[in-house]
Amino acid sequence: MPSHLYECRIMHERFSPKRHRFAHPIFVFSLDLDELSALHERSRLFSVESRNLYSFRDSDFLPLSPAHGGSLRERLFGWMRSRDIDTSSIARIQLVALPRVAGYLFNPVSFYFCFDEEQRPIAAVAEVTNTFREVKPFLLGPETFAQGRFRLRVAKDFYVSPYSDVDVAFDFDLRVPDSRLAIKIDAYDAGRRTLTSTMTGVARPLTDGALARLTLVYPLVTMRTMALIHWHAFVLWLRRTPWFPKAARADRQRGLFRPHRSLGQTHSASSSSTG
């Protein structure tokens, strides 16, 4: 499908050390990177590299080192090639994420789905961002694809939440998006599932009318997402849920970009160069 919107429901359930569950409605964009200029020309509410209610800036995504390339496509391909992925057959990239909303950007996870000229899925990348603005991409290569979805369990080695240790595993289950969106990310600690997150939704046209309606239903969606993250963290704190400081296990926080100062200068230098 070309660029469109997904009207979604996000669910997050923690099983240990204390149970906590919430669900919230949201909407996200699904952008064909080759259509950005056309979208900019025909929309009054969405712009590329300029201010608007919804604005897409290339530099907001995959803030990798200059060695990976200049544009978002080049950075993505450069990083994938550093992971031994042949990008020569990739003809289309679909990005599922939110642009800036009233100038404010935050995506807990952005998803890149890569297709060949026959629209066959080749690979997917999940770009995870924490509230410290650190970024870590996770690659789901061709070998992880079967029956219409990408599946991978991989060491997290990244600080996402103070209530989850860095020394656990992410389990990705990404259905290739079409008229419906179905994404699931679980966390496992020593083989035991400790958390599950899902985002499911249905496609809507990316038109000014649809954007206006969704803006009224879900106003300032990026700011609301950040506020809800802090609210639920506060609820867990009130319940005396054990938590981990940002500097804990600094040596296990690997492969990330824009490392926080709590990880130290040595980590910053190595992470920025090797990613």
C-alpha atoms as a PDB file:
ATOM      1  CA  MET A   1       0.000   0.000   0.000  1.00  0.00           C
ATOM      2  CA  PRO A   2       1.165   3.597  -0.501  1.00  0.00           C
ATOM      3  CA  SER A   3       1.578   5.961   2.432  1.00  0.00           C
ATOM      4  CA  HIS A   4      -1.342   5.926   4.836  1.00  0.00           C
ATOM      5  CA  LEU A   5      -2.275   6.115   8.522  1.00  0.00           C
ATOM      6  CA  TYR A   6      -3.029   3.432  11.087  1.00  0.00           C
ATOM      7  CA  GLU A   7      -5.603   4.023  13.798  1.00  0.00           C
ATOM      8  CA  CYS A   8      -4.307   1.800  16.573  1.00  0.00           C
ATOM      9  CA  ARG A   9      -4.613   0.441  20.067  1.00  0.00           C
ATOM     10  CA  ILE A  10      -1.452   0.032  22.119  1.00  0.00           C
ATOM     11  CA  MET A  11      -1.434  -2.503  24.950  1.00  0.00           C
ATOM     12  CA  HIS A  12       1.354  -2.971  27.481  1.00  0.00           C
ATOM     13  CA  GLU A  13       1.280  -5.634  30.188  1.00  0.00           C
ATOM     14  CA  ARG A  14       3.983  -6.322  32.756  1.00  0.00           C
ATOM     15  CA  PHE A  15       3.926  -9.716  34.500  1.00  0.00           C
ATOM     16  CA  SER A  16       6.754  -9.293  37.008  1.00  0.00           C
ATOM     17  CA  PRO A  17       7.980  -8.261  39.466  1.00  0.00           C
ATOM     18  CA  LYS A  18       4.516  -6.671  39.809  1.00  0.00           C
ATOM     19  CA  ARG A  19       1.637  -6.915  37.365  1.00  0.00           C
ATOM     20  CA  HIS A  20       0.611  -3.752  35.567  1.00  0.00           C
ATOM     21  CA  ARG A  21      -1.450  -3.369  32.405  1.00  0.00           C
ATOM     22  CA  PHE A  22      -2.693  -0.473  30.319  1.00  0.00           C
ATOM     23  CA  ALA A  23      -4.134   0.126  26.855  1.00  0.00           C
ATOM     24  CA  HIS A  24      -4.436   3.411  24.962  1.00  0.00           C
ATOM     25  CA  PRO A  25      -5.645   4.449  21.505  1.00  0.00           C
ATOM     26  CA  ILE A  26      -3.217   6.140  19.146  1.00  0.00           C
ATOM     27  CA  PHE A  27      -2.538   6.674  15.474  1.00  0.00           C
ATOM     28  CA  VAL A  28       0.691   6.416  13.506  1.00  0.00           C
ATOM     29  CA  PHE A  29       1.899   7.158  10.002  1.00  0.00           C
ATOM     30  CA  SER A  30       2.995   4.542   7.488  1.00  0.00           C
ATOM     31  CA  LEU A  31       5.243   6.400   5.064  1.00  0.00           C
ATOM     32  CA  ASP A  32       6.678   5.165   1.790  1.00  0.00           C
ATOM     33  CA  LEU A  33       9.989   7.055   1.781  1.00  0.00           C
ATOM     34  CA  ASP A  34       9.719   7.562  -1.982  1.00  0.00           C
ATOM     35  CA  GLU A  35       6.393   9.375  -1.557  1.00  0.00           C
ATOM     36  CA  LEU A  36       7.504  12.032   0.903  1.00  0.00           C
ATOM     37  CA  SER A  37       7.858  14.797  -1.691  1.00  0.00           C
ATOM     38  CA  ALA A  38       4.434  14.043  -3.173  1.00  0.00           C
ATOM     39  CA  LEU A  39       2.851  14.037   0.287  1.00  0.00           C
ATOM     40  CA  HIS A  40       4.476  17.381   1.031  1.00  0.00           C
ATOM     41  CA  GLU A  41       3.021  18.866  -2.147  1.00  0.00           C
ATOM     42  CA  ARG A  42      -0.548  17.676  -1.690  1.00  0.00           C
ATOM     43  CA  SER A  43      -1.077  18.014   2.073  1.00  0.00           C
ATOM     44  CA  ARG A  44      -1.784  21.177   4.029  1.00  0.00           C
ATOM     45  CA  LEU A  45      -1.182  19.497   7.396  1.00  0.00           C
ATOM     46  CA  PHE A  46       1.919  17.378   6.647  1.00  0.00           C
ATOM     47  CA  SER A  47       5.244  18.793   5.488  1.00  0.00           C
ATOM     48  CA  VAL A  48       8.756  17.518   4.847  1.00  0.00           C
ATOM     49  CA  GLU A  49      11.715  19.462   6.258  1.00  0.00           C
ATOM     50  CA  SER A  50       9.514  22.434   7.163  1.00  0.00           C
ATOM     51  CA  ARG A  51       7.211  23.423   9.996  1.00  0.00           C
ATOM     52  CA  ASN A  52       3.629  22.225  10.042  1.00  0.00           C
ATOM     53  CA  LEU A  53       1.215  20.477  12.368  1.00  0.00           C
ATOM     54  CA  TYR A  54       2.858  17.227  11.225  1.00  0.00           C
ATOM     55  CA  SER A  55       6.412  17.560   9.942  1.00  0.00           C
ATOM     56  CA  PHE A  56       8.860  14.887   8.804  1.00  0.00           C
ATOM     57  CA  ARG A  57      12.556  15.577   9.189  1.00  0.00           C
ATOM     58  CA  ASP A  58      15.045  13.101   7.764  1.00  0.00           C
ATOM     59  CA  SER A  59      17.505  13.716  10.606  1.00  0.00           C
ATOM     60  CA  ASP A  60      14.939  12.720  13.255  1.00  0.00           C
ATOM     61  CA  PHE A  61      15.368   9.031  12.397  1.00  0.00           C
ATOM     62  CA  LEU A  62      18.330   6.666  12.727  1.00  0.00           C
ATOM     63  CA  PRO A  63      20.817   9.205  14.133  1.00  0.00           C
ATOM     64  CA  LEU A  64      23.797   7.036  13.192  1.00  0.00           C
ATOM     65  CA  SER A  65      27.424   7.989  12.650  1.00  0.00           C
ATOM     66  CA  PRO A  66      28.360   9.797   9.396  1.00  0.00           C
ATOM     67  CA  ALA A  67      30.066   6.595   8.216  1.00  0.00           C
ATOM     68  CA  HIS A  68      26.628   5.078   7.572  1.00  0.00           C
ATOM     69  CA  GLY A  69      25.635   7.716   5.013  1.00  0.00           C
ATOM     70  CA  GLY A  70      23.787  11.007   4.655  1.00  0.00           C
ATOM     71  CA  SER A  71      20.082  10.580   3.944  1.00  0.00           C
ATOM     72  CA  LEU A  72      17.788   8.343   5.974  1.00  0.00           C
ATOM     73  CA  ARG A  73      17.779   5.754   3.189  1.00  0.00           C
ATOM     74  CA  GLU A  74      21.582   5.855   2.996  1.00  0.00           C
ATOM     75  CA  ARG A  75      21.943   5.577   6.777  1.00  0.00           C
ATOM     76  CA  LEU A  76      19.547   2.646   6.899  1.00  0.00           C
ATOM     77  CA  PHE A  77      21.284   0.842   4.024  1.00  0.00           C
ATOM     78  CA  GLY A  78      24.745   1.583   5.440  1.00  0.00           C
ATOM     79  CA  TRP A  79      23.807   0.183   8.831  1.00  0.00           C
ATOM     80  CA  MET A  80      22.150  -2.883   7.273  1.00  0.00           C
ATOM     81  CA  ARG A  81      25.236  -3.564   5.134  1.00  0.00           C
ATOM     82  CA  SER A  82      27.378  -3.384   8.266  1.00  0.00           C
ATOM     83  CA  ARG A  83      25.189  -6.277   9.451  1.00  0.00           C
ATOM     84  CA  ASP A  84      25.898  -8.254   6.251  1.00  0.00           C
ATOM     85  CA  ILE A  85      22.555  -7.514   4.579  1.00  0.00           C
ATOM     86  CA  ASP A  86      22.583  -7.131   0.791  1.00  0.00           C
ATOM     87  CA  THR A  87      20.531  -3.980   0.176  1.00  0.00           C
ATOM     88  CA  SER A  88      20.882  -3.997  -3.629  1.00  0.00           C
ATOM     89  CA  SER A  89      17.460  -5.603  -4.134  1.00  0.00           C
ATOM     90  CA  ILE A  90      15.576  -3.250  -1.797  1.00  0.00           C
ATOM     91  CA  ALA A  91      13.232  -1.111  -3.897  1.00  0.00           C
ATOM     92  CA  ARG A  92      10.852   0.305  -1.289  1.00  0.00           C
ATOM     93  CA  ILE A  93      10.994   1.254   2.395  1.00  0.00           C
ATOM     94  CA  GLN A  94       7.879   1.685   4.514  1.00  0.00           C
ATOM     95  CA  LEU A  95       8.399   3.568   7.779  1.00  0.00           C
ATOM     96  CA  VAL A  96       5.796   3.094  10.525  1.00  0.00           C
ATOM     97  CA  ALA A  97       6.254   5.896  13.049  1.00  0.00           C
ATOM     98  CA  LEU A  98       5.142   9.376  14.015  1.00  0.00           C
ATOM     99  CA  PRO A  99       6.645  12.551  12.562  1.00  0.00           C
ATOM    100  CA  ARG A 100       6.972  15.700  14.642  1.00  0.00           C
ATOM    101  CA  VAL A 101       3.604  16.793  15.993  1.00  0.00           C
ATOM    102  CA  ALA A 102       3.454  20.562  16.594  1.00  0.00           C
ATOM    103  CA  GLY A 103       7.260  20.418  16.560  1.00  0.00           C
ATOM    104  CA  TYR A 104       7.561  17.661  19.192  1.00  0.00           C
ATOM    105  CA  LEU A 105       8.982  14.233  18.328  1.00  0.00           C
ATOM    106  CA  PHE A 106       8.973  10.980  20.257  1.00  0.00           C
ATOM    107  CA  ASN A 107       8.700   7.417  18.977  1.00  0.00           C
ATOM    108  CA  PRO A 108       9.261   4.589  21.479  1.00  0.00           C
ATOM    109  CA  VAL A 109       9.763   2.350  18.433  1.00  0.00           C
ATOM    110  CA  SER A 110       9.919   3.124  14.708  1.00  0.00           C
ATOM    111  CA  PHE A 111       9.649   0.281  12.206  1.00  0.00           C
ATOM    112  CA  TYR A 112      11.226   0.033   8.759  1.00  0.00           C
ATOM    113  CA  PHE A 113       9.880  -2.629   6.386  1.00  0.00           C
ATOM    114  CA  CYS A 114      11.990  -3.231   3.263  1.00  0.00           C
ATOM    115  CA  PHE A 115      10.611  -4.729   0.029  1.00  0.00           C
ATOM    116  CA  ASP A 116      11.981  -5.697  -3.386  1.00  0.00           C
ATOM    117  CA  GLU A 117      10.498  -4.649  -6.735  1.00  0.00           C
ATOM    118  CA  GLU A 118       7.950  -7.480  -6.526  1.00  0.00           C
ATOM    119  CA  GLN A 119       6.826  -6.192  -3.103  1.00  0.00           C
ATOM    120  CA  ARG A 120       8.325  -9.205  -1.356  1.00  0.00           C
ATOM    121  CA  PRO A 121       9.555  -8.473   2.193  1.00  0.00           C
ATOM    122  CA  ILE A 122      13.335  -8.575   2.539  1.00  0.00           C
ATOM    123  CA  ALA A 123      14.070  -7.272   6.030  1.00  0.00           C
ATOM    124  CA  ALA A 124      12.755  -5.156   8.870  1.00  0.00           C
ATOM    125  CA  VAL A 125      14.415  -2.834  11.377  1.00  0.00           C
ATOM    126  CA  ALA A 126      13.005  -1.794  14.748  1.00  0.00           C
ATOM    127  CA  GLU A 127      14.483   1.521  15.940  1.00  0.00           C
ATOM    128  CA  VAL A 128      13.952   1.669  19.716  1.00  0.00           C
ATOM    129  CA  THR A 129      14.242   5.032  21.497  1.00  0.00           C
ATOM    130  CA  ASN A 130      14.209   5.543  25.257  1.00  0.00           C
ATOM    131  CA  THR A 131      13.243   8.666  27.184  1.00  0.00           C
ATOM    132  CA  PHE A 132      16.939   9.645  27.360  1.00  0.00           C
ATOM    133  CA  ARG A 133      16.754   9.942  23.533  1.00  0.00           C
ATOM    134  CA  GLU A 134      19.194   7.079  23.109  1.00  0.00           C
ATOM    135  CA  VAL A 135      18.528   4.980  20.011  1.00  0.00           C
ATOM    136  CA  LYS A 136      19.204   1.331  19.243  1.00  0.00           C
ATOM    137  CA  PRO A 137      18.191  -0.350  15.964  1.00  0.00           C
ATOM    138  CA  PHE A 138      17.429  -4.073  15.849  1.00  0.00           C
ATOM    139  CA  LEU A 139      17.722  -5.962  12.555  1.00  0.00           C
ATOM    140  CA  LEU A 140      15.313  -8.680  11.456  1.00  0.00           C
ATOM    141  CA  GLY A 141      16.962 -10.106   8.361  1.00  0.00           C
ATOM    142  CA  PRO A 142      15.618 -12.341   5.572  1.00  0.00           C
ATOM    143  CA  GLU A 143      16.192 -15.468   7.634  1.00  0.00           C
ATOM    144  CA  THR A 144      13.693 -14.225  10.253  1.00  0.00           C
ATOM    145  CA  PHE A 145      10.801 -13.959   7.768  1.00  0.00           C
ATOM    146  CA  ALA A 146       8.150 -16.683   7.436  1.00  0.00           C
ATOM    147  CA  GLN A 147       4.397 -16.800   6.909  1.00  0.00           C
ATOM    148  CA  GLY A 148       3.978 -13.058   6.503  1.00  0.00           C
ATOM    149  CA  ARG A 149       5.898 -11.924   9.581  1.00  0.00           C
ATOM    150  CA  PHE A 150       9.369 -11.247  10.913  1.00  0.00           C
ATOM    151  CA  ARG A 151      10.236 -13.107  14.140  1.00  0.00           C
ATOM    152  CA  LEU A 152      13.385 -12.702  16.230  1.00  0.00           C
ATOM    153  CA  ARG A 153      14.469 -13.077  19.842  1.00  0.00           C
ATOM    154  CA  VAL A 154      17.637 -11.117  20.605  1.00  0.00           C
ATOM    155  CA  ALA A 155      19.515  -9.738  23.606  1.00  0.00           C
ATOM    156  CA  LYS A 156      18.237  -6.263  24.464  1.00  0.00           C
ATOM    157  CA  ASP A 157      21.436  -4.798  25.973  1.00  0.00           C
ATOM    158  CA  PHE A 158      19.691  -1.444  26.145  1.00  0.00           C
ATOM    159  CA  TYR A 159      18.084   0.658  28.864  1.00  0.00           C
ATOM    160  CA  VAL A 160      14.443   1.172  27.909  1.00  0.00           C
ATOM    161  CA  SER A 161      12.630   1.318  31.244  1.00  0.00           C
ATOM    162  CA  PRO A 162      13.852   1.684  34.847  1.00  0.00           C
ATOM    163  CA  TYR A 163      11.620  -1.294  35.666  1.00  0.00           C
ATOM    164  CA  SER A 164      13.287  -3.672  33.194  1.00  0.00           C
ATOM    165  CA  ASP A 165      16.911  -4.767  33.448  1.00  0.00           C
ATOM    166  CA  VAL A 166      19.101  -4.341  30.387  1.00  0.00           C
ATOM    167  CA  ASP A 167      20.164  -7.981  30.645  1.00  0.00           C
ATOM    168  CA  VAL A 168      17.009  -9.485  29.113  1.00  0.00           C
ATOM    169  CA  ALA A 169      15.845 -10.424  25.589  1.00  0.00           C
ATOM    170  CA  PHE A 170      13.448  -8.760  23.157  1.00  0.00           C
ATOM    171  CA  ASP A 171      11.147 -11.055  21.197  1.00  0.00           C
ATOM    172  CA  PHE A 172       9.934  -9.308  18.029  1.00  0.00           C
ATOM    173  CA  ASP A 173       6.860 -10.460  16.108  1.00  0.00           C
ATOM    174  CA  LEU A 174       6.263  -8.015  13.239  1.00  0.00           C
ATOM    175  CA  ARG A 175       3.549  -8.801  10.757  1.00  0.00           C
ATOM    176  CA  VAL A 176       4.185  -7.177   7.392  1.00  0.00           C
ATOM    177  CA  PRO A 177       1.749  -4.240   7.420  1.00  0.00           C
ATOM    178  CA  ASP A 178      -1.022  -4.004   4.848  1.00  0.00           C
ATOM    179  CA  SER A 179      -4.618  -3.007   5.524  1.00  0.00           C
ATOM    180  CA  ARG A 180      -3.950  -3.972   9.135  1.00  0.00           C
ATOM    181  CA  LEU A 181      -1.070  -3.437  11.520  1.00  0.00           C
ATOM    182  CA  ALA A 182      -0.070  -6.130  14.027  1.00  0.00           C
ATOM    183  CA  ILE A 183       3.141  -5.674  16.003  1.00  0.00           C
ATOM    184  CA  LYS A 184       4.161  -7.476  19.176  1.00  0.00           C
ATOM    185  CA  ILE A 185       7.292  -7.113  21.289  1.00  0.00           C
ATOM    186  CA  ASP A 186       7.801  -9.273  24.378  1.00  0.00           C
ATOM    187  CA  ALA A 187      10.581  -9.246  26.962  1.00  0.00           C
ATOM    188  CA  TYR A 188      12.077 -12.437  28.364  1.00  0.00           C
ATOM    189  CA  ASP A 189      14.263 -12.843  31.428  1.00  0.00           C
ATOM    190  CA  ALA A 190      16.014 -16.216  31.726  1.00  0.00           C
ATOM    191  CA  GLY A 191      13.439 -17.726  29.371  1.00  0.00           C
ATOM    192  CA  ARG A 192      10.447 -16.353  31.283  1.00  0.00           C
ATOM    193  CA  ARG A 193       8.198 -13.752  29.678  1.00  0.00           C
ATOM    194  CA  THR A 194       8.088 -10.662  31.871  1.00  0.00           C
ATOM    195  CA  LEU A 195       6.378  -8.145  29.589  1.00  0.00           C
ATOM    196  CA  THR A 196       4.312  -7.948  26.412  1.00  0.00           C
ATOM    197  CA  SER A 197       3.520  -4.964  24.201  1.00  0.00           C
ATOM    198  CA  THR A 198       1.268  -4.882  21.166  1.00  0.00           C
ATOM    199  CA  MET A 199       0.210  -2.302  18.610  1.00  0.00           C
ATOM    200  CA  THR A 200      -2.715  -3.276  16.398  1.00  0.00           C
ATOM    201  CA  GLY A 201      -4.676  -1.121  14.006  1.00  0.00           C
ATOM    202  CA  VAL A 202      -6.451  -0.577  10.715  1.00  0.00           C
ATOM    203  CA  ALA A 203      -5.350   1.532   7.764  1.00  0.00           C
ATOM    204  CA  ARG A 204      -6.829   4.953   7.059  1.00  0.00           C
ATOM    205  CA  PRO A 205      -6.087   7.196   4.062  1.00  0.00           C
ATOM    206  CA  LEU A 206      -3.398   9.812   4.552  1.00  0.00           C
ATOM    207  CA  THR A 207      -5.527  12.806   3.626  1.00  0.00           C
ATOM    208  CA  ASP A 208      -6.008  16.190   5.240  1.00  0.00           C
ATOM    209  CA  GLY A 209      -9.525  15.160   6.222  1.00  0.00           C
ATOM    210  CA  ALA A 210      -8.353  11.983   7.946  1.00  0.00           C
ATOM    211  CA  LEU A 211      -5.504  13.852   9.666  1.00  0.00           C
ATOM    212  CA  ALA A 212      -7.884  16.545  10.903  1.00  0.00           C
ATOM    213  CA  ARG A 213     -10.269  13.933  12.316  1.00  0.00           C
ATOM    214  CA  LEU A 214      -7.505  11.940  14.023  1.00  0.00           C
ATOM    215  CA  THR A 215      -5.987  15.152  15.402  1.00  0.00           C
ATOM    216  CA  LEU A 216      -9.285  15.955  17.109  1.00  0.00           C
ATOM    217  CA  VAL A 217      -9.601  12.414  18.475  1.00  0.00           C
ATOM    218  CA  TYR A 218      -5.920  12.051  19.490  1.00  0.00           C
ATOM    219  CA  PRO A 219      -4.525  15.570  19.973  1.00  0.00           C
ATOM    220  CA  LEU A 220      -0.758  16.121  20.414  1.00  0.00           C
ATOM    221  CA  VAL A 221      -0.170  12.391  20.171  1.00  0.00           C
ATOM    222  CA  THR A 222       3.628  12.454  20.647  1.00  0.00           C
ATOM    223  CA  MET A 223       3.393  14.591  23.801  1.00  0.00           C
ATOM    224  CA  ARG A 224       0.607  12.366  25.108  1.00  0.00           C
ATOM    225  CA  THR A 225       2.769   9.295  24.565  1.00  0.00           C
ATOM    226  CA  MET A 226       5.638  10.768  26.573  1.00  0.00           C
ATOM    227  CA  ALA A 227       3.273  11.886  29.351  1.00  0.00           C
ATOM    228  CA  LEU A 228       1.707   8.431  29.596  1.00  0.00           C
ATOM    229  CA  ILE A 229       5.129   6.762  29.806  1.00  0.00           C
ATOM    230  CA  HIS A 230       6.019   8.920  32.805  1.00  0.00           C
ATOM    231  CA  TRP A 231       2.584   8.478  34.374  1.00  0.00           C
ATOM    232  CA  HIS A 232       2.763   4.691  34.304  1.00  0.00           C
ATOM    233  CA  ALA A 233       6.350   4.792  35.577  1.00  0.00           C
ATOM    234  CA  PHE A 234       5.106   6.895  38.482  1.00  0.00           C
ATOM    235  CA  VAL A 235       2.343   4.375  39.209  1.00  0.00           C
ATOM    236  CA  LEU A 236       4.906   1.558  39.314  1.00  0.00           C
ATOM    237  CA  TRP A 237       7.091   3.647  41.621  1.00  0.00           C
ATOM    238  CA  LEU A 238       4.139   4.220  43.969  1.00  0.00           C
ATOM    239  CA  ARG A 239       3.669   0.450  44.069  1.00  0.00           C
ATOM    240  CA  ARG A 240       7.320   0.088  45.145  1.00  0.00           C
ATOM    241  CA  THR A 241       8.310  -1.832  42.047  1.00  0.00           C
ATOM    242  CA  PRO A 242      12.073  -2.536  42.012  1.00  0.00           C
ATOM    243  CA  TRP A 243      13.877  -0.306  39.542  1.00  0.00           C
ATOM    244  CA  PHE A 244      17.296   0.044  37.935  1.00  0.00           C
ATOM    245  CA  PRO A 245      19.217   3.337  37.617  1.00  0.00           C
ATOM    246  CA  LYS A 246      20.340   4.464  34.168  1.00  0.00           C
ATOM    247  CA  ALA A 247      24.022   3.896  34.952  1.00  0.00           C
ATOM    248  CA  ALA A 248      23.454   0.283  36.040  1.00  0.00           C
ATOM    249  CA  ARG A 249      25.165  -2.317  33.849  1.00  0.00           C
ATOM    250  CA  ALA A 250      26.736   0.381  31.691  1.00  0.00           C
ATOM    251  CA  ASP A 251      28.972  -2.270  30.122  1.00  0.00           C
ATOM    252  CA  ARG A 252      25.888  -4.159  28.870  1.00  0.00           C
ATOM    253  CA  GLN A 253      24.316  -1.149  27.134  1.00  0.00           C
ATOM    254  CA  ARG A 254      25.729  -1.820  23.682  1.00  0.00           C
ATOM    255  CA  GLY A 255      25.154  -0.916  20.057  1.00  0.00           C
ATOM    256  CA  LEU A 256      23.289   2.310  20.791  1.00  0.00           C
ATOM    257  CA  PHE A 257      23.492   5.793  19.365  1.00  0.00           C
ATOM    258  CA  ARG A 258      23.347   9.176  21.112  1.00  0.00           C
ATOM    259  CA  PRO A 259      24.578   7.527  24.368  1.00  0.00           C
ATOM    260  CA  HIS A 260      23.650   9.330  27.569  1.00  0.00           C
ATOM    261  CA  ARG A 261      26.408  10.921  29.639  1.00  0.00           C
ATOM    262  CA  SER A 262      25.759   8.403  32.448  1.00  0.00           C
ATOM    263  CA  LEU A 263      27.482   5.745  30.328  1.00  0.00           C
ATOM    264  CA  GLY A 264      30.776   7.649  30.295  1.00  0.00           C
ATOM    265  CA  GLN A 265      32.953   9.118  27.578  1.00  0.00           C
ATOM    266  CA  THR A 266      34.629   5.830  26.627  1.00  0.00           C
ATOM    267  CA  HIS A 267      31.279   4.172  25.986  1.00  0.00           C
ATOM    268  CA  SER A 268      30.096   7.201  24.036  1.00  0.00           C
ATOM    269  CA  ALA A 269      33.042   7.106  21.700  1.00  0.00           C
ATOM    270  CA  SER A 270      32.815   3.374  21.008  1.00  0.00           C
ATOM    271  CA  SER A 271      29.055   3.378  20.583  1.00  0.00           C
ATOM    272  CA  SER A 272      29.040   6.330  18.221  1.00  0.00           C
ATOM    273  CA  SER A 273      31.637   4.737  15.975  1.00  0.00           C
ATOM    274  CA  THR A 274      30.550   1.103  15.906  1.00  0.00           C
ATOM    275  CA  GLY A 275      26.823   1.229  16.657  1.00  0.00           C
END
